[in-house]
Amino acid sequence: MKRIRRVLGIDPGLANTGFGIIDDFGGRMSLVGYGVIETSPEDAHPSRLLEIFRGIEEVVSKYAPDESAMEELFFGRNSSSAMMVAEAKGVVTMALAKNGISPAQYKPNKIKASVTGTQSAGKETVERCVRILLNLKETPRPDHAADAIAAAITHIHSTATPAAGR
């Protein structure tokens, strides 16, 4: 079966930015790789952002994705935390743009529904469904990587063409 595209899913965060790469074969998906870009709270804030930028560039260089997806930013009660995630998301977007990739963005409930069938699914259900959809023996860890993979799956489901068998 011929690969249609390679999708990079990203779960941006200042301390941990998860990533997952999935190949789409137009009816079957295959996990290519995943991981987390970690930054230390001991480092200066700009250095942490630069580390995320460089980490995403390395992932793009290594895996050569065709498309990318990430969760839309959700502003909860902790606005300072949301600002840090927004900054991380900004450098991720810039690293992708530098490499000619414009990330699609999906609301958290869209990702849950795409992966589990329900918008109200919990984290454990999303992780279990990621494992099942990709026929994995174990759930990808840490959870930031699983969340990134879920974003990539959502993008594949949301942008599939009839010719791709969906």
Protein backbone atom coordinates (compact mmCIF):
# COMPACT_ATOMS: atom_id res chain seq x y z
CA MET A 1 0.00 0.00 0.00
CA LYS A 2 1.36 3.41 -0.95
CA ARG A 3 1.74 6.14 1.64
CA ILE A 4 -0.49 9.13 0.94
CA ARG A 5 1.07 11.51 3.46
CA ARG A 6 3.01 11.82 6.69
CA VAL A 7 1.38 13.88 9.46
CA LEU A 8 3.14 15.42 12.44
CA GLY A 9 0.92 15.93 15.48
CA ILE A 10 2.09 18.32 18.18
CA ASP A 11 1.00 18.95 21.77
CA PRO A 12 2.75 22.25 22.61
CA GLY A 13 3.83 23.13 26.12
CA LEU A 14 6.69 25.00 27.76
CA ALA A 15 7.92 22.11 29.92
CA ASN A 16 6.94 19.29 27.54
CA THR A 17 6.09 19.53 23.85
CA GLY A 18 4.83 16.20 22.60
CA PHE A 19 5.08 15.05 19.01
CA GLY A 20 3.86 12.06 17.04
CA ILE A 21 4.34 11.12 13.40
CA ILE A 22 1.80 9.01 11.53
CA ASP A 23 1.87 7.72 7.97
CA ASP A 24 -1.52 7.71 6.26
CA PHE A 25 -2.04 4.90 3.78
CA GLY A 26 -5.60 5.89 2.88
CA GLY A 27 -7.43 3.41 5.04
CA ARG A 28 -4.67 2.42 7.40
CA MET A 29 -2.46 4.49 9.68
CA SER A 30 0.99 3.59 10.95
CA LEU A 31 2.87 5.20 13.82
CA VAL A 32 6.34 6.21 12.64
CA GLY A 33 7.70 7.82 15.80
CA TYR A 34 6.90 9.94 18.82
CA GLY A 35 8.52 11.69 21.74
CA VAL A 36 8.70 14.78 23.87
CA ILE A 37 10.86 17.89 23.74
CA GLU A 38 11.56 18.68 27.39
CA THR A 39 12.80 21.98 28.76
CA SER A 40 14.11 22.67 32.23
CA PRO A 41 12.46 25.20 34.54
CA GLU A 42 16.02 26.04 35.61
CA ASP A 43 16.71 27.55 32.18
CA ALA A 44 15.81 31.12 31.21
CA HIS A 45 12.42 31.46 29.53
CA PRO A 46 13.80 32.54 26.11
CA SER A 47 16.24 29.60 26.18
CA ARG A 48 13.37 27.19 26.76
CA LEU A 49 11.47 28.60 23.79
CA LEU A 50 14.57 28.33 21.62
CA GLU A 51 14.99 24.70 22.72
CA ILE A 52 11.41 23.94 21.61
CA PHE A 53 12.02 25.69 18.27
CA ARG A 54 15.20 23.69 17.64
CA GLY A 55 13.53 20.47 18.77
CA ILE A 56 10.69 20.89 16.29
CA GLU A 57 13.18 21.67 13.54
CA GLU A 58 15.02 18.42 14.36
CA VAL A 59 11.77 16.44 14.26
CA VAL A 60 10.84 17.99 10.90
CA SER A 61 14.33 17.30 9.53
CA LYS A 62 14.31 13.68 10.73
CA TYR A 63 10.76 12.69 9.73
CA ALA A 64 9.95 15.07 6.82
CA PRO A 65 6.21 15.43 7.47
CA ASP A 66 3.89 16.62 4.72
CA GLU A 67 1.32 18.12 7.10
CA SER A 68 0.96 19.02 10.75
CA ALA A 69 -1.79 19.35 13.35
CA MET A 70 -2.13 20.58 16.91
CA GLU A 71 -4.79 21.31 19.47
CA GLU A 72 -6.26 24.81 19.56
CA LEU A 73 -5.29 26.70 22.67
CA PHE A 74 -7.83 26.46 25.45
CA PHE A 75 -7.77 29.29 27.98
CA GLY A 76 -8.82 27.90 31.33
CA ARG A 77 -8.57 29.61 34.67
CA ASN A 78 -4.78 29.78 34.83
CA SER A 79 -3.98 32.60 32.41
CA SER A 80 -0.22 32.63 33.13
CA SER A 81 -0.01 28.94 32.24
CA ALA A 82 -2.06 29.56 29.08
CA MET A 83 0.33 32.35 28.07
CA MET A 84 3.32 30.01 28.39
CA VAL A 85 1.57 27.41 26.25
CA ALA A 86 0.70 30.15 23.73
CA GLU A 87 4.36 31.16 23.53
CA ALA A 88 5.41 27.53 23.02
CA LYS A 89 2.74 27.16 20.35
CA GLY A 90 4.07 30.29 18.66
CA VAL A 91 7.62 28.97 18.37
CA VAL A 92 6.30 25.59 17.18
CA THR A 93 4.27 27.36 14.49
CA MET A 94 7.30 29.43 13.49
CA ALA A 95 9.54 26.34 13.23
CA LEU A 96 6.93 24.64 11.05
CA ALA A 97 6.45 27.75 8.89
CA LYS A 98 10.21 27.99 8.38
CA ASN A 99 9.96 24.49 6.90
CA GLY A 100 6.94 25.27 4.71
CA ILE A 101 4.35 23.56 6.92
CA SER A 102 1.20 25.28 8.15
CA PRO A 103 -0.34 23.40 11.09
CA ALA A 104 -4.04 22.64 11.15
CA GLN A 105 -5.65 23.34 14.52
CA TYR A 106 -8.44 21.40 16.17
CA LYS A 107 -10.56 22.07 19.24
CA PRO A 108 -9.98 19.64 22.13
CA ASN A 109 -13.51 18.20 21.84
CA LYS A 110 -13.01 17.62 18.09
CA ILE A 111 -9.86 15.60 18.84
CA LYS A 112 -11.66 13.56 21.51
CA ALA A 113 -14.61 12.88 19.20
CA SER A 114 -12.37 11.94 16.27
CA VAL A 115 -10.32 9.48 18.30
CA THR A 116 -12.95 8.08 20.69
CA GLY A 117 -16.34 8.82 19.17
CA THR A 118 -17.39 11.12 22.02
CA GLN A 119 -16.50 14.72 22.88
CA SER A 120 -16.50 14.04 26.61
CA ALA A 121 -13.88 11.27 26.68
CA GLY A 122 -11.27 11.34 29.42
CA LYS A 123 -7.51 11.24 28.93
CA GLU A 124 -7.31 7.48 29.58
CA THR A 125 -9.98 6.77 26.96
CA VAL A 126 -8.17 8.92 24.38
CA GLU A 127 -4.89 7.11 25.11
CA ARG A 128 -6.56 3.67 24.87
CA CYS A 129 -8.21 4.58 21.56
CA VAL A 130 -4.89 5.88 20.15
CA ARG A 131 -3.39 2.49 20.99
CA ILE A 132 -6.30 0.61 19.38
CA LEU A 133 -6.51 2.78 16.23
CA LEU A 134 -2.80 2.33 15.55
CA ASN A 135 -2.71 -1.34 16.63
CA LEU A 136 -0.03 -0.69 19.26
CA LYS A 137 0.92 -3.09 22.03
CA GLU A 138 1.42 -0.27 24.52
CA THR A 139 0.11 3.25 24.95
CA PRO A 140 2.65 5.87 23.85
CA ARG A 141 4.18 7.66 26.84
CA PRO A 142 4.36 10.26 28.15
CA ASP A 143 0.79 11.50 27.73
CA HIS A 144 2.01 14.59 25.81
CA ALA A 145 3.14 12.26 23.02
CA ALA A 146 -0.21 10.43 23.04
CA ASP A 147 -2.02 13.78 22.82
CA ALA A 148 0.13 14.78 19.84
CA ILE A 149 -0.62 11.47 18.13
CA ALA A 150 -4.35 12.05 18.74
CA ALA A 151 -4.05 15.43 16.97
CA ALA A 152 -2.41 13.74 13.97
CA ILE A 153 -5.15 11.08 13.85
CA THR A 154 -7.80 13.81 13.96
CA HIS A 155 -6.15 15.59 11.05
CA ILE A 156 -6.09 12.39 9.00
CA HIS A 157 -9.75 11.70 9.78
CA SER A 158 -10.76 15.32 9.09
CA THR A 159 -8.96 15.73 5.78
CA ALA A 160 -9.36 12.28 4.24
CA THR A 161 -10.49 12.24 0.63
CA PRO A 162 -13.02 9.79 -0.85
CA ALA A 163 -10.20 8.43 -3.03
CA ALA A 164 -8.35 7.56 0.17
CA GLY A 165 -11.08 5.11 1.09
CA ARG A 166 -12.99 7.21 3.62
